[in-house]
Amino acid sequence: MRVCGSVAVLSLFCVLSESILPPSKEDLGQISVQGEKYLDKQIENAITGVKEMKSVMEKSGEDHKKLLTVLEKTKQQKEEALKTAQEMETKLEEEEEVCNDTIKVLWEECKPCLKNTCIKFYSRTCSSGSGLVGRQLEEVLNRTSPFSIWINGENIDTLTKEDQQQSREFQDLEERYSEVADGVDGIFRDSMQVFDQMRSFHHPFFASPFGSPGVLGRTRVYRSLIEEPHFRGFQSMFQPMMDMARNVFGSLGPYTGSDGDLGFNPSGDGSANEDVVITKPFGNNRMTCREIRRNSAGCIKLKEECGKCKAIQHIDCSGKKPLEGPVKEQLERALERAEGFTQEYNRLLRKFEEEMFNTSRLLDMFNKQFGWVSTLANNTQTKDGFFQVKTILSRSSEDSKEPSDTNVSVQLFDVPPMTFTVPGDIPWSDPKFSEVVAQEALDRYKQTTVVAK
């Protein structure tokens, strides 16, 4: 009985010793080797993921080229139509000079009527700013041709301003697109460099997710966005611009093709509403109080309310009625075409912006999951490998039924040593232990690179 009891105590001591005594140097080396093999697979998977990320950008590039072709064609058509409208307006102004004195008298009586009528309708709905609107309209009318109020002359100015704004936005989009493309190329190139290192240093079995090794040549230096402190993701590069574009184009008029109706229409119910103004003389269009303050030229649509303004439309200049002749018809057709191409160009810009916003969201998903591997490009390779388990310390638990946790200290890549705890139900002798430790170390490494952003 004593012998049996002694054997039982010895067996229990052996079991406890296995969980309490630290592993030998050889054990630590073996755990490190197994952990590094596990990390090899994670790196290989990440490099494959970066390749998919590159493929997404390449597909986007193909769509981008097609869209650029359509944008350029639409821009040319828009500018041609706008140029024709400006030429026709000049011809009308030349015909106007024949009866300049008569028109001047009518125009000087028309302008105050337009101003007062506009302020009246604006004040019925908008809570403030009528004085500003009146002053702005007066400035517009002082530099406007009398004929312009009957040929949508203010539209030419608006379309010209919008053309300039669209050009600026397109240039901004192109610059941001190039930054995203260069950023993805940088991640891809760095990841291929990691593959080169893994394959040439001590991992000759490392499978290539890129095809032939020849693609690893470097012909261009790319700026690594993800390692820059200000970088917060590809999608964040487009969000502020989308918000700005909505604000800018929402104030330019109905030619943007946007959902926000941008005409001018106050209702006479006197309700204070800074969002929508509805007015009978403006037909079915709508314009917010804020938009009227930004573009008081919309008040010219009130010309039907003023008799002297209406008289300009039918004026006879030495037997000619400029506003009833072929020049006016040509101008209106050119304006209609310019407005149509402006809407189409804006729609294409919004499509470009939306596609890049969606693509950047997908790129961020890939980058968060796999982009970390590109940060290993400058990692120092040593003969001991890139993953070493330094110490493992297990302590006995006060509760014999609950295994104690294990404190582990590891070195991964070039970052400072990490120390963390592994649940006690996974002893260091368990083959799964090396994978758990390696994954925890990798997760902590990611937190200091792209994933943390």
Protein backbone atom coordinates (compact mmCIF):
# COMPACT_ATOMS: atom_id res chain seq x y z
CA MET A 1 0.00 0.00 0.00
CA ARG A 2 2.87 2.40 0.82
CA VAL A 3 4.54 1.66 -2.52
CA CYS A 4 1.28 2.35 -4.41
CA GLY A 5 0.81 5.56 -2.48
CA SER A 6 4.34 6.65 -3.30
CA VAL A 7 3.79 5.95 -7.01
CA ALA A 8 0.61 8.02 -6.99
CA VAL A 9 2.34 10.97 -5.31
CA LEU A 10 5.23 10.74 -7.77
CA SER A 11 2.84 10.75 -10.75
CA LEU A 12 1.02 13.79 -9.39
CA PHE A 13 4.37 15.55 -8.83
CA CYS A 14 5.39 14.83 -12.43
CA VAL A 15 2.15 16.28 -13.75
CA LEU A 16 2.51 19.41 -11.65
CA SER A 17 6.15 19.75 -12.56
CA GLU A 18 5.32 19.78 -16.26
CA SER A 19 3.09 22.83 -15.81
CA ILE A 20 5.27 24.61 -13.26
CA LEU A 21 8.81 24.10 -14.55
CA PRO A 22 9.80 26.35 -17.45
CA PRO A 23 10.71 24.72 -20.77
CA SER A 24 14.35 24.16 -21.63
CA LYS A 25 16.27 26.23 -24.16
CA GLU A 26 15.70 23.47 -26.70
CA ASP A 27 11.95 23.55 -25.94
CA LEU A 28 11.87 27.32 -26.47
CA GLY A 29 13.70 26.88 -29.77
CA GLN A 30 11.23 24.26 -30.96
CA ILE A 31 8.24 26.39 -29.95
CA SER A 32 9.81 29.32 -31.83
CA VAL A 33 10.30 27.23 -34.98
CA GLN A 34 6.70 26.01 -34.90
CA GLY A 35 5.43 29.52 -34.28
CA GLU A 36 7.48 30.87 -37.19
CA LYS A 37 6.03 28.22 -39.51
CA TYR A 38 2.58 29.38 -38.48
CA LEU A 39 3.54 33.00 -39.16
CA ASP A 40 4.95 32.01 -42.55
CA LYS A 41 1.45 30.94 -43.55
CA GLN A 42 -0.04 34.20 -42.24
CA ILE A 43 2.49 36.22 -44.23
CA GLU A 44 1.85 34.16 -47.33
CA ASN A 45 -1.92 34.66 -46.96
CA ALA A 46 -1.41 38.40 -46.44
CA ILE A 47 0.74 38.70 -49.58
CA THR A 48 -1.97 36.90 -51.54
CA GLY A 49 -4.50 39.33 -50.07
CA VAL A 50 -2.39 42.30 -51.18
CA LYS A 51 -2.36 40.82 -54.69
CA GLU A 52 -6.17 40.83 -54.62
CA MET A 53 -6.03 44.42 -53.42
CA LYS A 54 -3.83 45.27 -56.41
CA SER A 55 -6.30 43.52 -58.74
CA VAL A 56 -9.14 45.67 -57.39
CA MET A 57 -7.14 48.80 -58.19
CA GLU A 58 -6.26 47.53 -61.67
CA LYS A 59 -9.92 46.87 -62.43
CA SER A 60 -10.73 50.35 -61.16
CA GLY A 61 -8.01 51.71 -63.45
CA GLU A 62 -9.63 50.13 -66.50
CA ASP A 63 -13.01 51.63 -65.62
CA HIS A 64 -11.27 54.94 -64.90
CA LYS A 65 -9.79 55.14 -68.40
CA LYS A 66 -13.20 54.56 -70.00
CA LEU A 67 -14.81 57.20 -67.80
CA LEU A 68 -12.06 59.71 -68.59
CA THR A 69 -12.76 59.30 -72.31
CA VAL A 70 -16.46 60.04 -71.82
CA LEU A 71 -15.70 62.96 -69.50
CA GLU A 72 -13.34 64.56 -72.00
CA LYS A 73 -15.83 64.24 -74.84
CA THR A 74 -18.65 65.68 -72.73
CA LYS A 75 -16.43 68.57 -71.61
CA GLN A 76 -15.61 69.46 -75.21
CA GLN A 77 -19.29 69.41 -76.20
CA LYS A 78 -20.19 71.54 -73.19
CA GLU A 79 -17.53 74.14 -73.95
CA GLU A 80 -18.48 74.29 -77.64
CA ALA A 81 -22.15 74.88 -76.79
CA LEU A 82 -21.24 77.51 -74.20
CA LYS A 83 -18.96 79.27 -76.69
CA THR A 84 -21.78 79.34 -79.26
CA ALA A 85 -24.17 80.82 -76.68
CA GLN A 86 -21.66 83.54 -75.83
CA GLU A 87 -21.22 84.37 -79.53
CA MET A 88 -24.99 84.61 -80.06
CA GLU A 89 -25.32 86.84 -77.00
CA THR A 90 -22.68 89.16 -78.44
CA LYS A 91 -24.64 89.38 -81.72
CA LEU A 92 -27.81 90.31 -79.86
CA GLU A 93 -25.94 93.03 -77.97
CA GLU A 94 -24.71 94.42 -81.29
CA GLU A 95 -28.30 94.60 -82.58
CA GLU A 96 -29.32 96.23 -79.32
CA GLU A 97 -26.99 99.16 -79.99
CA VAL A 98 -29.24 100.27 -82.91
CA CYS A 99 -31.93 101.36 -80.46
CA ASN A 100 -29.70 101.90 -77.46
CA ASP A 101 -31.43 105.04 -76.11
CA THR A 102 -34.89 103.49 -76.04
CA ILE A 103 -33.66 100.32 -74.35
CA LYS A 104 -31.68 102.31 -71.81
CA VAL A 105 -34.79 104.14 -70.63
CA LEU A 106 -36.79 100.93 -70.30
CA TRP A 107 -33.89 99.16 -68.59
CA GLU A 108 -33.45 101.87 -65.95
CA GLU A 109 -37.13 101.51 -65.05
CA CYS A 110 -37.02 97.71 -65.21
CA LYS A 111 -34.12 97.25 -62.74
CA PRO A 112 -35.69 98.82 -59.62
CA CYS A 113 -38.93 96.97 -60.31
CA LEU A 114 -37.06 93.66 -60.46
CA LYS A 115 -35.18 94.47 -57.26
CA ASN A 116 -38.27 95.48 -55.28
CA THR A 117 -40.29 92.51 -56.54
CA CYS A 118 -37.51 90.10 -55.61
CA ILE A 119 -37.16 91.53 -52.09
CA LYS A 120 -40.92 91.32 -51.62
CA PHE A 121 -41.14 87.65 -52.49
CA TYR A 122 -37.95 86.80 -50.62
CA SER A 123 -39.11 88.56 -47.43
CA ARG A 124 -42.39 86.63 -47.37
CA THR A 125 -40.60 83.38 -46.62
CA CYS A 126 -36.97 84.00 -45.66
CA SER A 127 -36.32 85.22 -42.15
CA SER A 128 -33.38 87.53 -42.94
CA GLY A 129 -31.00 88.77 -45.62
CA SER A 130 -33.37 90.69 -47.90
CA GLY A 131 -31.05 93.70 -47.90
CA LEU A 132 -28.11 91.57 -48.99
CA VAL A 133 -30.18 89.96 -51.75
CA GLY A 134 -31.26 93.41 -52.99
CA ARG A 135 -27.70 94.73 -53.12
CA GLN A 136 -26.38 91.64 -54.85
CA LEU A 137 -29.17 91.72 -57.44
CA GLU A 138 -28.50 95.39 -58.11
CA GLU A 139 -24.84 94.58 -58.83
CA VAL A 140 -25.88 91.78 -61.18
CA LEU A 141 -28.33 93.98 -63.08
CA ASN A 142 -25.78 96.79 -63.46
CA ARG A 143 -23.45 94.48 -65.37
CA THR A 144 -26.21 92.64 -67.27
CA SER A 145 -27.41 93.41 -70.79
CA PRO A 146 -31.12 94.39 -70.97
CA PHE A 147 -31.68 91.65 -73.52
CA SER A 148 -30.11 89.09 -71.18
CA ILE A 149 -33.16 88.90 -68.94
CA TRP A 150 -35.15 87.54 -71.91
CA ILE A 151 -32.52 85.16 -73.22
CA ASN A 152 -31.53 83.55 -69.91
CA GLY A 153 -28.34 85.59 -70.04
CA GLU A 154 -27.67 84.97 -66.36
CA ASN A 155 -27.47 81.28 -67.21
CA ILE A 156 -24.34 81.88 -69.28
CA ASP A 157 -22.54 83.34 -66.26
CA THR A 158 -23.76 80.52 -64.04
CA LEU A 159 -22.73 77.85 -66.55
CA THR A 160 -19.31 79.46 -66.98
CA LYS A 161 -18.74 79.48 -63.21
CA GLU A 162 -19.90 75.90 -62.98
CA ASP A 163 -17.57 74.87 -65.79
CA GLN A 164 -14.68 76.31 -63.81
CA GLN A 165 -15.85 74.58 -60.63
CA GLN A 166 -16.22 71.24 -62.42
CA SER A 167 -12.69 71.57 -63.82
CA ARG A 168 -11.31 72.18 -60.32
CA GLU A 169 -13.21 69.24 -58.87
CA PHE A 170 -12.09 66.94 -61.68
CA GLN A 171 -8.47 67.93 -61.09
CA ASP A 172 -8.87 67.28 -57.36
CA LEU A 173 -10.44 63.88 -58.04
CA GLU A 174 -7.61 62.96 -60.40
CA GLU A 175 -4.97 63.94 -57.85
CA ARG A 176 -6.64 61.89 -55.13
CA TYR A 177 -7.09 58.95 -57.51
CA SER A 178 -3.36 59.07 -58.31
CA GLU A 179 -2.53 59.15 -54.59
CA VAL A 180 -4.67 56.08 -53.98
CA ALA A 181 -3.15 54.25 -56.98
CA ASP A 182 0.38 55.09 -55.82
CA GLY A 183 -0.51 54.05 -52.27
CA VAL A 184 -1.76 50.63 -53.43
CA ASP A 185 1.29 50.22 -55.69
CA GLY A 186 3.52 51.02 -52.72
CA ILE A 187 1.85 48.38 -50.56
CA PHE A 188 2.10 45.88 -53.41
CA ARG A 189 5.78 46.59 -54.09
CA ASP A 190 6.69 46.39 -50.42
CA SER A 191 4.79 43.10 -50.11
CA MET A 192 6.70 41.68 -53.07
CA GLN A 193 9.92 42.75 -51.38
CA VAL A 194 8.82 40.80 -48.30
CA PHE A 195 8.15 37.80 -50.54
CA ASP A 196 11.67 38.17 -52.00
CA GLN A 197 13.19 38.25 -48.54
CA MET A 198 11.19 35.28 -47.29
CA ARG A 199 12.08 33.23 -50.33
CA SER A 200 15.79 34.08 -50.49
CA PHE A 201 16.70 34.15 -46.80
CA HIS A 202 15.61 30.86 -45.31
CA HIS A 203 12.21 30.03 -46.74
CA PRO A 204 12.93 28.56 -50.22
CA PHE A 205 9.64 26.63 -50.03
CA PHE A 206 7.67 29.88 -49.83
CA ALA A 207 5.05 29.73 -52.60
CA SER A 208 4.75 32.73 -54.91
CA PRO A 209 1.27 34.28 -55.11
CA PHE A 210 2.54 36.64 -57.83
CA GLY A 211 3.40 34.21 -60.61
CA SER A 212 6.93 34.32 -61.97
CA PRO A 213 9.68 35.91 -59.83
CA GLY A 214 10.43 38.29 -62.71
CA VAL A 215 7.62 40.62 -61.64
CA LEU A 216 9.58 41.54 -58.54
CA GLY A 217 11.83 44.00 -60.37
CA ARG A 218 11.68 47.57 -59.08
CA THR A 219 11.47 50.39 -61.61
CA ARG A 220 9.78 53.07 -59.52
CA VAL A 221 9.87 54.31 -55.94
CA TYR A 222 6.41 54.57 -54.36
CA ARG A 223 5.42 56.61 -51.34
CA SER A 224 4.10 54.35 -48.58
CA LEU A 225 0.90 56.02 -47.40
CA ILE A 226 0.03 53.54 -44.67
CA GLU A 227 3.14 54.31 -42.63
CA GLU A 228 2.47 58.06 -42.63
CA PRO A 229 0.98 59.38 -39.36
CA HIS A 230 -1.81 61.35 -41.08
CA PHE A 231 -3.07 58.39 -43.12
CA ARG A 232 -6.51 57.26 -41.93
CA GLY A 233 -7.55 55.04 -44.79
CA PHE A 234 -8.16 55.40 -48.52
CA GLN A 235 -11.85 56.18 -48.09
CA SER A 236 -11.11 59.12 -45.82
CA MET A 237 -9.34 60.77 -48.76
CA PHE A 238 -12.67 61.15 -50.60
CA GLN A 239 -15.24 61.83 -47.86
CA PRO A 240 -14.43 65.53 -47.26
CA MET A 241 -14.44 66.21 -50.99
CA MET A 242 -17.84 64.55 -51.45
CA ASP A 243 -19.32 66.74 -48.73
CA MET A 244 -17.75 69.85 -50.24
CA ALA A 245 -19.01 69.00 -53.74
CA ARG A 246 -22.58 68.61 -52.52
CA ASN A 247 -22.44 72.04 -50.90
CA VAL A 248 -20.81 73.76 -53.88
CA PHE A 249 -22.91 72.24 -56.64
CA GLY A 250 -26.05 72.56 -54.60
CA SER A 251 -25.66 76.35 -54.78
CA LEU A 252 -24.89 76.70 -58.47
CA GLY A 253 -28.33 76.23 -59.94
CA PRO A 254 -30.46 73.54 -61.62
CA TYR A 255 -27.76 72.62 -64.14
CA THR A 256 -25.92 70.27 -61.83
CA GLY A 257 -28.45 67.49 -62.28
CA SER A 258 -28.61 67.10 -58.50
CA ASP A 259 -31.60 65.98 -56.50
CA GLY A 260 -31.81 69.28 -54.70
CA ASP A 261 -34.02 71.44 -56.93
CA LEU A 262 -32.25 74.72 -57.43
CA GLY A 263 -34.69 77.15 -59.01
CA PHE A 264 -36.37 80.03 -57.14
CA ASN A 265 -40.02 79.93 -56.02
CA PRO A 266 -41.24 81.74 -52.82
CA SER A 267 -44.71 80.95 -51.52
CA GLY A 268 -46.70 83.82 -50.15
CA ASP A 269 -47.72 82.17 -46.91
CA GLY A 270 -45.17 84.14 -44.88
CA SER A 271 -43.76 81.09 -43.09
CA ALA A 272 -40.14 81.48 -42.04
CA ASN A 273 -38.31 78.64 -43.80
CA GLU A 274 -34.61 78.72 -44.61
CA ASP A 275 -34.81 75.43 -46.50
CA VAL A 276 -37.35 75.85 -49.30
CA VAL A 277 -38.93 78.94 -50.83
CA ILE A 278 -41.86 78.53 -53.22
CA THR A 279 -43.09 81.42 -55.35
CA LYS A 280 -45.66 81.39 -58.13
CA PRO A 281 -43.74 83.56 -60.65
CA PHE A 282 -40.96 81.00 -60.71
CA GLY A 283 -42.97 78.14 -62.16
CA ASN A 284 -42.21 74.71 -60.71
CA ASN A 285 -38.61 75.32 -59.60
CA ARG A 286 -37.45 75.63 -56.01
CA MET A 287 -34.63 77.49 -54.36
CA THR A 288 -33.62 77.76 -50.73
CA CYS A 289 -33.20 81.10 -48.98
CA ARG A 290 -29.50 80.36 -48.63
CA GLU A 291 -29.20 79.69 -52.36
CA ILE A 292 -30.96 82.97 -53.22
CA ARG A 293 -28.45 84.84 -51.07
CA ARG A 294 -25.64 83.08 -52.90
CA ASN A 295 -27.09 83.63 -56.38
CA SER A 296 -29.57 86.51 -56.47
CA ALA A 297 -29.56 86.40 -60.30
CA GLY A 298 -32.40 83.92 -59.93
CA CYS A 299 -34.60 86.94 -59.17
CA ILE A 300 -34.47 87.84 -62.87
CA LYS A 301 -37.13 85.17 -63.36
CA LEU A 302 -39.51 87.73 -61.87
CA LYS A 303 -39.32 89.85 -65.05
CA GLU A 304 -42.92 88.97 -66.00
CA GLU A 305 -44.02 90.92 -62.92
CA CYS A 306 -42.61 94.20 -64.32
CA GLY A 307 -44.22 95.97 -67.31
CA LYS A 308 -41.09 97.90 -68.33
CA CYS A 309 -39.11 94.65 -68.37
CA LYS A 310 -41.74 93.02 -70.58
CA ALA A 311 -41.56 95.99 -72.97
CA ILE A 312 -37.89 95.22 -73.71
CA GLN A 313 -38.90 91.83 -75.11
CA HIS A 314 -40.95 93.36 -77.96
CA ILE A 315 -38.86 96.43 -78.73
CA ASP A 316 -38.48 97.33 -82.41
CA CYS A 317 -35.01 98.47 -83.47
CA SER A 318 -35.26 100.03 -86.97
CA GLY A 319 -37.66 97.39 -88.17
CA LYS A 320 -35.87 94.55 -86.38
CA LYS A 321 -37.00 92.76 -83.26
CA PRO A 322 -33.83 91.11 -81.92
CA LEU A 323 -35.65 89.08 -79.26
CA GLU A 324 -38.00 87.63 -81.84
CA GLY A 325 -35.37 86.76 -84.48
CA PRO A 326 -33.17 83.75 -85.41
CA VAL A 327 -30.20 84.87 -83.27
CA LYS A 328 -32.23 84.51 -80.08
CA GLU A 329 -33.38 81.05 -81.18
CA GLN A 330 -29.79 79.96 -81.87
CA LEU A 331 -28.69 81.29 -78.49
CA GLU A 332 -31.45 79.44 -76.66
CA ARG A 333 -30.62 76.19 -78.45
CA ALA A 334 -26.95 76.60 -77.58
CA LEU A 335 -27.85 77.33 -73.95
CA GLU A 336 -30.07 74.29 -73.79
CA ARG A 337 -27.24 72.12 -75.13
CA ALA A 338 -24.74 73.69 -72.71
CA GLU A 339 -27.07 73.05 -69.78
CA GLY A 340 -27.59 69.44 -70.88
CA PHE A 341 -23.86 68.74 -71.24
CA THR A 342 -23.22 70.46 -67.90
CA GLN A 343 -25.72 68.15 -66.21
CA GLU A 344 -24.19 65.13 -67.94
CA TYR A 345 -20.66 66.14 -66.97
CA ASN A 346 -21.73 66.62 -63.38
CA ARG A 347 -23.44 63.20 -63.40
CA LEU A 348 -20.19 61.64 -64.66
CA LEU A 349 -18.21 63.42 -61.94
CA ARG A 350 -20.60 62.08 -59.32
CA LYS A 351 -20.22 58.60 -60.83
CA PHE A 352 -16.43 58.89 -60.73
CA GLU A 353 -16.58 60.09 -57.14
CA GLU A 354 -18.98 57.36 -56.06
CA GLU A 355 -16.97 54.62 -57.76
CA MET A 356 -13.78 55.78 -56.10
CA PHE A 357 -15.51 56.06 -52.73
CA ASN A 358 -16.76 52.47 -53.05
CA THR A 359 -13.41 51.23 -54.37
CA SER A 360 -11.55 52.92 -51.53
CA ARG A 361 -13.89 51.24 -49.04
CA LEU A 362 -12.93 47.86 -50.51
CA LEU A 363 -9.25 48.82 -50.51
CA ASP A 364 -9.48 49.77 -46.84
CA MET A 365 -10.99 46.35 -46.09
CA PHE A 366 -8.07 44.60 -47.80
CA ASN A 367 -5.54 46.97 -46.26
CA LYS A 368 -6.86 46.43 -42.75
CA GLN A 369 -6.66 42.67 -43.15
CA PHE A 370 -3.49 42.28 -45.20
CA GLY A 371 -1.67 45.63 -45.53
CA TRP A 372 0.44 45.01 -42.44
CA VAL A 373 2.67 42.63 -44.41
CA SER A 374 4.05 45.55 -46.46
CA THR A 375 5.54 47.05 -43.29
CA LEU A 376 7.93 44.08 -43.12
CA ALA A 377 9.81 45.25 -46.20
CA ASN A 378 12.51 46.86 -44.05
CA ASN A 379 12.50 44.13 -41.43
CA THR A 380 15.95 42.84 -40.45
CA GLN A 381 16.37 39.12 -41.10
CA THR A 382 18.61 37.15 -38.72
CA LYS A 383 19.86 33.59 -38.60
CA ASP A 384 17.62 33.00 -35.57
CA GLY A 385 14.51 33.85 -37.58
CA PHE A 386 11.98 36.63 -37.07
CA PHE A 387 10.10 34.98 -34.18
CA GLN A 388 11.70 33.90 -30.92
CA VAL A 389 10.01 32.83 -27.72
CA LYS A 390 12.26 34.21 -24.99
CA THR A 391 10.67 33.02 -21.75
CA ILE A 392 7.70 30.95 -20.63
CA LEU A 393 6.69 31.02 -16.99
CA SER A 394 3.81 28.98 -15.57
CA ARG A 395 2.77 29.29 -11.94
CA SER A 396 0.74 26.92 -9.82
CA SER A 397 -2.87 27.84 -9.22
CA GLU A 398 -4.44 28.04 -5.80
CA ASP A 399 -7.39 26.16 -7.26
CA SER A 400 -6.15 22.74 -8.33
CA LYS A 401 -9.12 22.39 -10.69
CA GLU A 402 -8.22 25.59 -12.60
CA PRO A 403 -4.90 25.55 -14.50
CA SER A 404 -2.79 28.66 -14.09
CA ASP A 405 -2.17 31.11 -16.93
CA THR A 406 1.21 31.23 -18.64
CA ASN A 407 3.32 34.38 -18.97
CA VAL A 408 5.17 34.54 -22.28
CA SER A 409 7.83 36.92 -23.59
CA VAL A 410 8.49 36.92 -27.35
CA GLN A 411 10.46 38.82 -29.99
CA LEU A 412 8.69 39.38 -33.34
CA PHE A 413 10.30 41.13 -36.30
CA ASP A 414 12.09 44.35 -35.32
CA VAL A 415 9.66 45.57 -32.66
CA PRO A 416 10.52 45.58 -28.94
CA PRO A 417 9.90 42.32 -27.02
CA MET A 418 6.28 41.65 -26.04
CA THR A 419 4.98 40.05 -22.87
CA PHE A 420 1.47 38.65 -22.55
CA THR A 421 -0.54 35.86 -20.94
CA VAL A 422 -1.74 32.59 -22.49
CA PRO A 423 -4.74 30.79 -20.92
CA GLY A 424 -3.68 28.00 -18.59
CA ASP A 425 -5.78 25.38 -20.35
CA ILE A 426 -3.19 25.43 -23.15
CA PRO A 427 0.11 24.18 -21.63
CA TRP A 428 3.37 25.02 -23.36
CA SER A 429 3.79 21.36 -24.26
CA ASP A 430 0.61 21.47 -26.36
CA PRO A 431 1.42 21.85 -30.14
CA LYS A 432 -1.36 24.45 -30.27
CA PHE A 433 0.57 26.65 -27.80
CA SER A 434 3.05 27.90 -30.42
CA GLU A 435 0.22 28.97 -32.76
CA VAL A 436 -1.64 30.79 -29.99
CA VAL A 437 1.51 32.66 -28.97
CA ALA A 438 2.44 33.50 -32.57
CA GLN A 439 -1.04 34.79 -33.39
CA GLU A 440 -1.19 36.94 -30.25
CA ALA A 441 2.20 38.43 -31.08
CA LEU A 442 1.09 39.11 -34.65
CA ASP A 443 -2.13 40.76 -33.49
CA ARG A 444 -0.16 43.06 -31.22
CA TYR A 445 2.23 43.87 -34.06
CA LYS A 446 -0.72 44.81 -36.30
CA GLN A 447 -2.01 47.21 -33.67
CA THR A 448 1.14 49.29 -34.16
CA THR A 449 0.85 49.36 -37.97
CA VAL A 450 -2.00 49.78 -40.45
CA VAL A 451 -4.75 48.08 -38.41
CA ALA A 452 -4.45 50.63 -35.63
CA LYS A 453 -5.36 53.30 -38.16
